């Protein structure tokens, strides 16, 4: 499946199951926020999803995946501490990470 189509499918599911989740834009990319907080996004140029993972254990687990990295939207070496980019190599795992991002108590 096309990565953007997969992102849209995941977002549709999140919106269906989490009434407070909504589509939005973050730094020009399609995103999801819940309770006013940005939690999930799609980086089209990289065909990757980005997830806010405030839980240290979740974030470490995600960063251990091959190709995962902290999200640095400026590209100037100032990554967002709690945001992890997961490439399409981990597309099958995107729904689980999206769920963690949306349901994290610190999110």
PDB file of N, CA and C in Angstrom:
ATOM      1  N   UNK A   1       0.852  -1.184   0.000  1.00  0.00           N
ATOM      2  CA  UNK A   1       0.000   0.000   0.000  1.00  0.00           C
ATOM      3  C   UNK A   1       0.892   1.239   0.000  1.00  0.00           C
ATOM      4  N   UNK A   2       0.456   2.247  -0.693  1.00  0.00           N
ATOM      5  CA  UNK A   2       1.145   3.531  -0.701  1.00  0.00           C
ATOM      6  C   UNK A   2       1.262   4.045   0.738  1.00  0.00           C
ATOM      7  N   UNK A   3       2.451   4.511   1.166  1.00  0.00           N
ATOM      8  CA  UNK A   3       2.613   4.958   2.555  1.00  0.00           C
ATOM      9  C   UNK A   3       1.632   6.048   2.975  1.00  0.00           C
ATOM     10  N   UNK A   4       1.328   6.991   2.089  1.00  0.00           N
ATOM     11  CA  UNK A   4       0.372   8.046   2.462  1.00  0.00           C
ATOM     12  C   UNK A   4      -1.017   7.462   2.641  1.00  0.00           C
ATOM     13  N   UNK A   5      -1.395   6.516   1.795  1.00  0.00           N
ATOM     14  CA  UNK A   5      -2.697   5.869   1.941  1.00  0.00           C
ATOM     15  C   UNK A   5      -2.755   5.087   3.255  1.00  0.00           C
ATOM     16  N   UNK A   6      -1.635   4.464   3.616  1.00  0.00           N
ATOM     17  CA  UNK A   6      -1.584   3.728   4.892  1.00  0.00           C
ATOM     18  C   UNK A   6      -1.723   4.697   6.053  1.00  0.00           C
ATOM     19  N   UNK A   7      -1.053   5.843   5.981  1.00  0.00           N
ATOM     20  CA  UNK A   7      -1.193   6.866   7.013  1.00  0.00           C
ATOM     21  C   UNK A   7      -2.661   7.272   7.155  1.00  0.00           C
ATOM     22  N   UNK A   8      -3.319   7.555   6.020  1.00  0.00           N
ATOM     23  CA  UNK A   8      -4.722   7.969   6.054  1.00  0.00           C
ATOM     24  C   UNK A   8      -5.606   6.891   6.666  1.00  0.00           C
ATOM     25  N   UNK A   9      -5.332   5.651   6.358  1.00  0.00           N
ATOM     26  CA  UNK A   9      -6.092   4.532   6.923  1.00  0.00           C
ATOM     27  C   UNK A   9      -5.918   4.471   8.445  1.00  0.00           C
ATOM     28  N   UNK A  10      -4.687   4.648   8.906  1.00  0.00           N
ATOM     29  CA  UNK A  10      -4.413   4.639  10.349  1.00  0.00           C
ATOM     30  C   UNK A  10      -5.133   5.797  11.030  1.00  0.00           C
ATOM     31  N   UNK A  11      -5.086   6.974  10.416  1.00  0.00           N
ATOM     32  CA  UNK A  11      -5.750   8.147  10.992  1.00  0.00           C
ATOM     33  C   UNK A  11      -7.261   7.947  11.031  1.00  0.00           C
ATOM     34  N   UNK A  12      -7.837   7.412   9.974  1.00  0.00           N
ATOM     35  CA  UNK A  12      -9.277   7.135   9.976  1.00  0.00           C
ATOM     36  C   UNK A  12      -9.653   6.247  11.156  1.00  0.00           C
ATOM     37  N   UNK A  13      -8.841   5.224  11.411  1.00  0.00           N
ATOM     38  CA  UNK A  13      -9.101   4.320  12.534  1.00  0.00           C
ATOM     39  C   UNK A  13      -8.984   5.062  13.866  1.00  0.00           C
ATOM     40  N   UNK A  14      -7.945   5.875  14.018  1.00  0.00           N
ATOM     41  CA  UNK A  14      -7.780   6.642  15.261  1.00  0.00           C
ATOM     42  C   UNK A  14      -8.973   7.555  15.507  1.00  0.00           C
ATOM     43  N   UNK A  15      -9.413   8.243  14.449  1.00  0.00           N
ATOM     44  CA  UNK A  15     -10.541   9.163  14.595  1.00  0.00           C
ATOM     45  C   UNK A  15     -11.821   8.418  14.969  1.00  0.00           C
ATOM     46  N   UNK A  16     -11.971   7.230  14.423  1.00  0.00           N
ATOM     47  CA  UNK A  16     -13.159   6.425  14.720  1.00  0.00           C
ATOM     48  C   UNK A  16     -13.168   5.962  16.183  1.00  0.00           C
ATOM     49  N   UNK A  17     -12.006   5.611  16.695  1.00  0.00           N
ATOM     50  CA  UNK A  17     -11.925   5.039  18.048  1.00  0.00           C
ATOM     51  C   UNK A  17     -11.680   6.066  19.156  1.00  0.00           C
ATOM     52  N   UNK A  18     -11.179   7.237  18.786  1.00  0.00           N
ATOM     53  CA  UNK A  18     -10.857   8.262  19.787  1.00  0.00           C
ATOM     54  C   UNK A  18     -11.585   9.545  19.403  1.00  0.00           C
ATOM     55  N   UNK A  19     -12.699   9.787  20.059  1.00  0.00           N
ATOM     56  CA  UNK A  19     -13.555  10.924  19.718  1.00  0.00           C
ATOM     57  C   UNK A  19     -12.893  12.278  19.844  1.00  0.00           C
ATOM     58  N   UNK A  20     -11.831  12.372  20.642  1.00  0.00           N
ATOM     59  CA  UNK A  20     -11.171  13.660  20.815  1.00  0.00           C
ATOM     60  C   UNK A  20     -10.025  13.868  19.813  1.00  0.00           C
ATOM     61  N   UNK A  21      -9.740  12.865  18.994  1.00  0.00           N
ATOM     62  CA  UNK A  21      -8.688  12.997  17.980  1.00  0.00           C
ATOM     63  C   UNK A  21      -9.242  13.718  16.755  1.00  0.00           C
ATOM     64  N   UNK A  22      -8.388  14.525  16.121  1.00  0.00           N
ATOM     65  CA  UNK A  22      -8.811  15.243  14.923  1.00  0.00           C
ATOM     66  C   UNK A  22      -7.638  15.463  13.981  1.00  0.00           C
ATOM     67  N   UNK A  23      -7.971  15.568  12.694  1.00  0.00           N
ATOM     68  CA  UNK A  23      -6.958  15.869  11.677  1.00  0.00           C
ATOM     69  C   UNK A  23      -6.569  17.342  11.778  1.00  0.00           C
ATOM     70  N   UNK A  24      -5.295  17.604  11.502  1.00  0.00           N
ATOM     71  CA  UNK A  24      -4.797  18.970  11.490  1.00  0.00           C
ATOM     72  C   UNK A  24      -3.524  19.013  10.640  1.00  0.00           C
ATOM     73  N   UNK A  25      -2.842  20.128  10.656  1.00  0.00           N
ATOM     74  CA  UNK A  25      -1.550  20.283   9.983  1.00  0.00           C
ATOM     75  C   UNK A  25      -0.519  20.708  11.022  1.00  0.00           C
ATOM     76  N   UNK A  26       0.683  20.163  10.917  1.00  0.00           N
ATOM     77  CA  UNK A  26       1.786  20.555  11.792  1.00  0.00           C
ATOM     78  C   UNK A  26       2.987  20.797  10.894  1.00  0.00           C
ATOM     79  N   UNK A  27       3.497  22.003  10.898  1.00  0.00           N
ATOM     80  CA  UNK A  27       4.655  22.345  10.076  1.00  0.00           C
ATOM     81  C   UNK A  27       4.473  21.898   8.628  1.00  0.00           C
ATOM     82  N   UNK A  28       3.264  22.075   8.126  1.00  0.00           N
ATOM     83  CA  UNK A  28       2.978  21.752   6.741  1.00  0.00           C
ATOM     84  C   UNK A  28       2.729  20.289   6.448  1.00  0.00           C
ATOM     85  N   UNK A  29       2.712  19.440   7.469  1.00  0.00           N
ATOM     86  CA  UNK A  29       2.460  18.025   7.216  1.00  0.00           C
ATOM     87  C   UNK A  29       1.128  17.609   7.833  1.00  0.00           C
ATOM     88  N   UNK A  30       0.467  16.626   7.220  1.00  0.00           N
ATOM     89  CA  UNK A  30      -0.772  16.128   7.800  1.00  0.00           C
ATOM     90  C   UNK A  30      -0.482  15.519   9.171  1.00  0.00           C
ATOM     91  N   UNK A  31      -1.346  15.813  10.113  1.00  0.00           N
ATOM     92  CA  UNK A  31      -1.108  15.410  11.497  1.00  0.00           C
ATOM     93  C   UNK A  31      -2.413  15.073  12.201  1.00  0.00           C
ATOM     94  N   UNK A  32      -2.257  14.560  13.408  1.00  0.00           N
ATOM     95  CA  UNK A  32      -3.394  14.264  14.284  1.00  0.00           C
ATOM     96  C   UNK A  32      -3.112  14.908  15.634  1.00  0.00           C
ATOM     97  N   UNK A  33      -4.142  15.537  16.164  1.00  0.00           N
ATOM     98  CA  UNK A  33      -4.023  16.045  17.525  1.00  0.00           C
ATOM     99  C   UNK A  33      -5.184  15.505  18.344  1.00  0.00           C
ATOM    100  N   UNK A  34      -4.969  15.480  19.630  1.00  0.00           N
ATOM    101  CA  UNK A  34      -5.983  15.029  20.567  1.00  0.00           C
ATOM    102  C   UNK A  34      -5.885  15.913  21.797  1.00  0.00           C
ATOM    103  N   UNK A  35      -7.015  16.388  22.260  1.00  0.00           N
ATOM    104  CA  UNK A  35      -7.045  17.294  23.404  1.00  0.00           C
ATOM    105  C   UNK A  35      -6.100  18.475  23.202  1.00  0.00           C
ATOM    106  N   UNK A  36      -6.030  18.961  21.967  1.00  0.00           N
ATOM    107  CA  UNK A  36      -5.226  20.127  21.655  1.00  0.00           C
ATOM    108  C   UNK A  36      -3.740  19.868  21.494  1.00  0.00           C
ATOM    109  N   UNK A  37      -3.304  18.613  21.620  1.00  0.00           N
ATOM    110  CA  UNK A  37      -1.877  18.300  21.522  1.00  0.00           C
ATOM    111  C   UNK A  37      -1.589  17.512  20.253  1.00  0.00           C
ATOM    112  N   UNK A  38      -0.546  17.918  19.528  1.00  0.00           N
ATOM    113  CA  UNK A  38      -0.125  17.193  18.340  1.00  0.00           C
ATOM    114  C   UNK A  38       0.548  15.893  18.756  1.00  0.00           C
ATOM    115  N   UNK A  39       0.179  14.803  18.066  1.00  0.00           N
ATOM    116  CA  UNK A  39       0.660  13.493  18.489  1.00  0.00           C
ATOM    117  C   UNK A  39       1.218  12.614  17.379  1.00  0.00           C
ATOM    118  N   UNK A  40       0.740  12.792  16.155  1.00  0.00           N
ATOM    119  CA  UNK A  40       1.103  11.914  15.042  1.00  0.00           C
ATOM    120  C   UNK A  40       1.188  12.769  13.778  1.00  0.00           C
ATOM    121  N   UNK A  41       2.110  12.425  12.885  1.00  0.00           N
ATOM    122  CA  UNK A  41       2.200  13.135  11.620  1.00  0.00           C
ATOM    123  C   UNK A  41       2.765  12.255  10.526  1.00  0.00           C
ATOM    124  N   UNK A  42       2.717  12.779   9.305  1.00  0.00           N
ATOM    125  CA  UNK A  42       3.244  12.068   8.142  1.00  0.00           C
ATOM    126  C   UNK A  42       4.174  12.994   7.375  1.00  0.00           C
ATOM    127  N   UNK A  43       5.417  12.557   7.180  1.00  0.00           N
ATOM    128  CA  UNK A  43       6.410  13.328   6.448  1.00  0.00           C
ATOM    129  C   UNK A  43       6.437  12.800   5.024  1.00  0.00           C
ATOM    130  N   UNK A  44       5.741  13.462   4.133  1.00  0.00           N
ATOM    131  CA  UNK A  44       5.601  12.997   2.761  1.00  0.00           C
ATOM    132  C   UNK A  44       6.918  12.849   2.023  1.00  0.00           C
ATOM    133  N   UNK A  45       7.832  13.780   2.216  1.00  0.00           N
ATOM    134  CA  UNK A  45       9.111  13.735   1.505  1.00  0.00           C
ATOM    135  C   UNK A  45       9.950  12.529   1.903  1.00  0.00           C
ATOM    136  N   UNK A  46       9.668  11.980   3.088  1.00  0.00           N
ATOM    137  CA  UNK A  46      10.414  10.822   3.583  1.00  0.00           C
ATOM    138  C   UNK A  46       9.562   9.560   3.619  1.00  0.00           C
ATOM    139  N   UNK A  47       8.294   9.716   3.273  1.00  0.00           N
ATOM    140  CA  UNK A  47       7.334   8.615   3.367  1.00  0.00           C
ATOM    141  C   UNK A  47       7.467   7.903   4.713  1.00  0.00           C
ATOM    142  N   UNK A  48       7.394   8.692   5.769  1.00  0.00           N
ATOM    143  CA  UNK A  48       7.561   8.181   7.126  1.00  0.00           C
ATOM    144  C   UNK A  48       6.512   8.806   8.039  1.00  0.00           C
ATOM    145  N   UNK A  49       6.195   8.089   9.104  1.00  0.00           N
ATOM    146  CA  UNK A  49       5.315   8.650  10.125  1.00  0.00           C
ATOM    147  C   UNK A  49       6.161   9.104  11.294  1.00  0.00           C
ATOM    148  N   UNK A  50       5.648  10.087  12.004  1.00  0.00           N
ATOM    149  CA  UNK A  50       6.312  10.617  13.183  1.00  0.00           C
ATOM    150  C   UNK A  50       5.323  10.553  14.340  1.00  0.00           C
ATOM    151  N   UNK A  51       5.833  10.166  15.506  1.00  0.00           N
ATOM    152  CA  UNK A  51       4.982   9.924  16.676  1.00  0.00           C
ATOM    153  C   UNK A  51       5.556  10.633  17.893  1.00  0.00           C
ATOM    154  N   UNK A  52       4.681  11.272  18.673  1.00  0.00           N
ATOM    155  CA  UNK A  52       5.108  11.845  19.945  1.00  0.00           C
ATOM    156  C   UNK A  52       5.024  10.729  20.983  1.00  0.00           C
ATOM    157  N   UNK A  53       6.175  10.381  21.539  1.00  0.00           N
ATOM    158  CA  UNK A  53       6.255   9.300  22.514  1.00  0.00           C
ATOM    159  C   UNK A  53       6.910   9.824  23.789  1.00  0.00           C
ATOM    160  N   UNK A  54       6.121  10.411  24.686  1.00  0.00           N
ATOM    161  CA  UNK A  54       6.690  11.001  25.896  1.00  0.00           C
ATOM    162  C   UNK A  54       7.215   9.966  26.891  1.00  0.00           C
ATOM    163  N   UNK A  55       6.730   8.730  26.797  1.00  0.00           N
ATOM    164  CA  UNK A  55       7.210   7.682  27.694  1.00  0.00           C
ATOM    165  C   UNK A  55       8.624   7.262  27.272  1.00  0.00           C
ATOM    166  N   UNK A  56       9.580   7.352  28.187  1.00  0.00           N
ATOM    167  CA  UNK A  56      10.973   7.032  27.864  1.00  0.00           C
ATOM    168  C   UNK A  56      11.130   5.623  27.304  1.00  0.00           C
ATOM    169  N   UNK A  57      10.434   4.655  27.893  1.00  0.00           N
ATOM    170  CA  UNK A  57      10.538   3.268  27.430  1.00  0.00           C
ATOM    171  C   UNK A  57      10.007   3.094  26.014  1.00  0.00           C
ATOM    172  N   UNK A  58       8.863   3.699  25.729  1.00  0.00           N
ATOM    173  CA  UNK A  58       8.302   3.639  24.376  1.00  0.00           C
ATOM    174  C   UNK A  58       9.264   4.275  23.371  1.00  0.00           C
ATOM    175  N   UNK A  59       9.770   5.434  23.738  1.00  0.00           N
ATOM    176  CA  UNK A  59      10.656   6.158  22.827  1.00  0.00           C
ATOM    177  C   UNK A  59      11.937   5.364  22.565  1.00  0.00           C
ATOM    178  N   UNK A  60      12.525   4.791  23.594  1.00  0.00           N
ATOM    179  CA  UNK A  60      13.740   3.986  23.433  1.00  0.00           C
ATOM    180  C   UNK A  60      13.471   2.769  22.557  1.00  0.00           C
ATOM    181  N   UNK A  61      12.321   2.140  22.759  1.00  0.00           N
ATOM    182  CA  UNK A  61      11.947   0.975  21.957  1.00  0.00           C
ATOM    183  C   UNK A  61      11.795   1.363  20.486  1.00  0.00           C
ATOM    184  N   UNK A  62      11.152   2.484  20.231  1.00  0.00           N
ATOM    185  CA  UNK A  62      10.973   2.938  18.855  1.00  0.00           C
ATOM    186  C   UNK A  62      12.310   3.313  18.223  1.00  0.00           C
ATOM    187  N   UNK A  63      13.148   4.002  18.964  1.00  0.00           N
ATOM    188  CA  UNK A  63      14.438   4.425  18.428  1.00  0.00           C
ATOM    189  C   UNK A  63      15.379   3.250  18.170  1.00  0.00           C
ATOM    190  N   UNK A  64      15.113   2.109  18.793  1.00  0.00           N
ATOM    191  CA  UNK A  64      15.935   0.914  18.571  1.00  0.00           C
ATOM    192  C   UNK A  64      15.639   0.262  17.217  1.00  0.00           C
ATOM    193  N   UNK A  65      14.538   0.654  16.580  1.00  0.00           N
ATOM    194  CA  UNK A  65      14.183   0.087  15.277  1.00  0.00           C
ATOM    195  C   UNK A  65      15.119   0.643  14.199  1.00  0.00           C
ATOM    196  N   UNK A  66      15.468  -0.210  13.254  1.00  0.00           N
ATOM    197  CA  UNK A  66      16.375   0.170  12.182  1.00  0.00           C
ATOM    198  C   UNK A  66      15.823   1.356  11.387  1.00  0.00           C
ATOM    199  N   UNK A  67      16.604   2.417  11.279  1.00  0.00           N
ATOM    200  CA  UNK A  67      16.201   3.595  10.520  1.00  0.00           C
ATOM    201  C   UNK A  67      15.421   4.626  11.308  1.00  0.00           C
ATOM    202  N   UNK A  68      15.043   4.305  12.544  1.00  0.00           N
ATOM    203  CA  UNK A  68      14.297   5.256  13.381  1.00  0.00           C
ATOM    204  C   UNK A  68      15.245   6.344  13.866  1.00  0.00           C
ATOM    205  N   UNK A  69      14.685   7.529  14.080  1.00  0.00           N
ATOM    206  CA  UNK A  69      15.492   8.643  14.566  1.00  0.00           C
ATOM    207  C   UNK A  69      14.566   9.676  15.207  1.00  0.00           C
ATOM    208  N   UNK A  70      15.162  10.570  15.970  1.00  0.00           N
ATOM    209  CA  UNK A  70      14.386  11.675  16.519  1.00  0.00           C
ATOM    210  C   UNK A  70      14.010  12.624  15.385  1.00  0.00           C
ATOM    211  N   UNK A  71      12.853  13.227  15.517  1.00  0.00           N
ATOM    212  CA  UNK A  71      12.313  14.143  14.518  1.00  0.00           C
ATOM    213  C   UNK A  71      12.999  15.497  14.643  1.00  0.00           C
ATOM    214  N   UNK A  72      13.647  15.922  13.564  1.00  0.00           N
ATOM    215  CA  UNK A  72      14.338  17.211  13.509  1.00  0.00           C
ATOM    216  C   UNK A  72      13.738  18.016  12.352  1.00  0.00           C
ATOM    217  N   UNK A  73      12.611  18.671  12.584  1.00  0.00           N
ATOM    218  CA  UNK A  73      11.919  19.352  11.490  1.00  0.00           C
ATOM    219  C   UNK A  73      12.732  20.460  10.832  1.00  0.00           C
ATOM    220  N   UNK A  74      13.635  21.082  11.558  1.00  0.00           N
ATOM    221  CA  UNK A  74      14.430  22.161  10.974  1.00  0.00           C
ATOM    222  C   UNK A  74      15.611  21.619  10.171  1.00  0.00           C
ATOM    223  N   UNK A  75      16.011  20.376  10.460  1.00  0.00           N
ATOM    224  CA  UNK A  75      17.174  19.808   9.802  1.00  0.00           C
ATOM    225  C   UNK A  75      18.487  20.445  10.253  1.00  0.00           C
ATOM    226  N   UNK A  76      18.442  21.133  11.371  1.00  0.00           N
ATOM    227  CA  UNK A  76      19.615  21.859  11.870  1.00  0.00           C
ATOM    228  C   UNK A  76      20.167  21.274  13.162  1.00  0.00           C
ATOM    229  N   UNK A  77      19.908  19.979  13.393  1.00  0.00           N
ATOM    230  CA  UNK A  77      20.459  19.337  14.580  1.00  0.00           C
ATOM    231  C   UNK A  77      19.759  19.694  15.877  1.00  0.00           C
ATOM    232  N   UNK A  78      18.481  20.061  15.779  1.00  0.00           N
ATOM    233  CA  UNK A  78      17.693  20.388  16.981  1.00  0.00           C
ATOM    234  C   UNK A  78      16.442  19.507  17.013  1.00  0.00           C
ATOM    235  N   UNK A  79      16.629  18.211  17.255  1.00  0.00           N
ATOM    236  CA  UNK A  79      15.474  17.306  17.218  1.00  0.00           C
ATOM    237  C   UNK A  79      14.529  17.538  18.389  1.00  0.00           C
ATOM    238  N   UNK A  80      13.277  17.205  18.136  1.00  0.00           N
ATOM    239  CA  UNK A  80      12.271  17.227  19.190  1.00  0.00           C
ATOM    240  C   UNK A  80      12.500  15.994  20.053  1.00  0.00           C
ATOM    241  N   UNK A  81      12.707  16.176  21.327  1.00  0.00           N
ATOM    242  CA  UNK A  81      13.090  15.115  22.255  1.00  0.00           C
ATOM    243  C   UNK A  81      12.102  13.947  22.283  1.00  0.00           C
ATOM    244  N   UNK A  82      10.828  14.216  22.193  1.00  0.00           N
ATOM    245  CA  UNK A  82       9.828  13.159  22.368  1.00  0.00           C
ATOM    246  C   UNK A  82       9.271  12.606  21.062  1.00  0.00           C
ATOM    247  N   UNK A  83       9.742  13.092  19.919  1.00  0.00           N
ATOM    248  CA  UNK A  83       9.181  12.708  18.630  1.00  0.00           C
ATOM    249  C   UNK A  83      10.111  11.761  17.883  1.00  0.00           C
ATOM    250  N   UNK A  84       9.552  10.641  17.409  1.00  0.00           N
ATOM    251  CA  UNK A  84      10.334   9.632  16.697  1.00  0.00           C
ATOM    252  C   UNK A  84       9.781   9.444  15.288  1.00  0.00           C
ATOM    253  N   UNK A  85      10.683   9.432  14.308  1.00  0.00           N
ATOM    254  CA  UNK A  85      10.344   9.176  12.910  1.00  0.00           C
ATOM    255  C   UNK A  85      10.562   7.691  12.638  1.00  0.00           C
ATOM    256  N   UNK A  86       9.532   7.032  12.091  1.00  0.00           N
ATOM    257  CA  UNK A  86       9.653   5.631  11.692  1.00  0.00           C
ATOM    258  C   UNK A  86       9.432   5.514  10.193  1.00  0.00           C
ATOM    259  N   UNK A  87      10.432   5.001   9.477  1.00  0.00           N
ATOM    260  CA  UNK A  87      10.327   4.867   8.019  1.00  0.00           C
ATOM    261  C   UNK A  87       9.379   3.747   7.611  1.00  0.00           C
ATOM    262  N   UNK A  88       9.136   3.653   6.318  1.00  0.00           N
ATOM    263  CA  UNK A  88       8.199   2.644   5.798  1.00  0.00           C
ATOM    264  C   UNK A  88       8.637   1.217   6.087  1.00  0.00           C
ATOM    265  N   UNK A  89       9.894   0.999   6.400  1.00  0.00           N
ATOM    266  CA  UNK A  89      10.347  -0.345   6.769  1.00  0.00           C
ATOM    267  C   UNK A  89       9.550  -0.868   7.966  1.00  0.00           C
ATOM    268  N   UNK A  90       8.977   0.029   8.739  1.00  0.00           N
ATOM    269  CA  UNK A  90       8.207  -0.332   9.936  1.00  0.00           C
ATOM    270  C   UNK A  90       6.724   0.020   9.787  1.00  0.00           C
ATOM    271  N   UNK A  91       6.275   0.114   8.555  1.00  0.00           N
ATOM    272  CA  UNK A  91       4.891   0.489   8.266  1.00  0.00           C
ATOM    273  C   UNK A  91       3.888  -0.417   8.981  1.00  0.00           C
ATOM    274  N   UNK A  92       4.194  -1.694   9.093  1.00  0.00           N
ATOM    275  CA  UNK A  92       3.281  -2.626   9.772  1.00  0.00           C
ATOM    276  C   UNK A  92       3.107  -2.267  11.241  1.00  0.00           C
ATOM    277  N   UNK A  93       4.082  -1.569  11.800  1.00  0.00           N
ATOM    278  CA  UNK A  93       4.029  -1.202  13.214  1.00  0.00           C
ATOM    279  C   UNK A  93       3.452   0.192  13.442  1.00  0.00           C
ATOM    280  N   UNK A  94       3.250   0.953  12.373  1.00  0.00           N
ATOM    281  CA  UNK A  94       2.722   2.310  12.528  1.00  0.00           C
ATOM    282  C   UNK A  94       1.434   2.387  13.347  1.00  0.00           C
ATOM    283  N   UNK A  95       0.458   1.493  13.124  1.00  0.00           N
ATOM    284  CA  UNK A  95      -0.778   1.617  13.916  1.00  0.00           C
ATOM    285  C   UNK A  95      -0.547   1.502  15.422  1.00  0.00           C
ATOM    286  N   UNK A  96       0.318   0.603  15.829  1.00  0.00           N
ATOM    287  CA  UNK A  96       0.604   0.444  17.255  1.00  0.00           C
ATOM    288  C   UNK A  96       1.265   1.670  17.856  1.00  0.00           C
ATOM    289  N   UNK A  97       2.200   2.255  17.111  1.00  0.00           N
ATOM    290  CA  UNK A  97       2.857   3.467  17.611  1.00  0.00           C
ATOM    291  C   UNK A  97       1.889   4.643  17.634  1.00  0.00           C
ATOM    292  N   UNK A  98       1.020   4.712  16.656  1.00  0.00           N
ATOM    293  CA  UNK A  98       0.010   5.777  16.647  1.00  0.00           C
ATOM    294  C   UNK A  98      -0.901   5.654  17.867  1.00  0.00           C
ATOM    295  N   UNK A  99      -1.289   4.431  18.162  1.00  0.00           N
ATOM    296  CA  UNK A  99      -2.143   4.193  19.338  1.00  0.00           C
ATOM    297  C   UNK A  99      -1.412   4.613  20.611  1.00  0.00           C
ATOM    298  N   UNK A 100      -0.153   4.252  20.732  1.00  0.00           N
ATOM    299  CA  UNK A 100       0.627   4.651  21.918  1.00  0.00           C
ATOM    300  C   UNK A 100       0.689   6.166  22.029  1.00  0.00           C
ATOM    301  N   UNK A 101       0.911   6.834  20.912  1.00  0.00           N
ATOM    302  CA  UNK A 101       1.006   8.298  20.936  1.00  0.00           C
ATOM    303  C   UNK A 101      -0.301   8.921  21.401  1.00  0.00           C
ATOM    304  N   UNK A 102      -1.413   8.413  20.898  1.00  0.00           N
ATOM    305  CA  UNK A 102      -2.723   8.995  21.222  1.00  0.00           C
ATOM    306  C   UNK A 102      -3.150   8.683  22.657  1.00  0.00           C
ATOM    307  N   UNK A 103      -2.772   7.527  23.162  1.00  0.00           N
ATOM    308  CA  UNK A 103      -3.247   7.119  24.488  1.00  0.00           C
ATOM    309  C   UNK A 103      -2.243   7.370  25.605  1.00  0.00           C
ATOM    310  N   UNK A 104      -1.065   7.875  25.280  1.00  0.00           N
ATOM    311  CA  UNK A 104      -0.063   8.135  26.307  1.00  0.00           C
ATOM    312  C   UNK A 104      -0.572   9.184  27.286  1.00  0.00           C
ATOM    313  N   UNK A 105      -0.519   8.888  28.580  1.00  0.00           N
ATOM    314  CA  UNK A 105      -1.004   9.866  29.558  1.00  0.00           C
ATOM    315  C   UNK A 105      -0.205  11.158  29.571  1.00  0.00           C
ATOM    316  N   UNK A 106       1.035  11.108  29.159  1.00  0.00           N
ATOM    317  CA  UNK A 106       1.848  12.318  29.127  1.00  0.00           C
ATOM    318  C   UNK A 106       1.790  13.011  27.780  1.00  0.00           C
ATOM    319  N   UNK A 107       1.023  12.444  26.837  1.00  0.00           N
ATOM    320  CA  UNK A 107       0.966  12.984  25.476  1.00  0.00           C
ATOM    321  C   UNK A 107       0.240  14.272  25.359  1.00  0.00           C
TER     322      UNK A 107
END
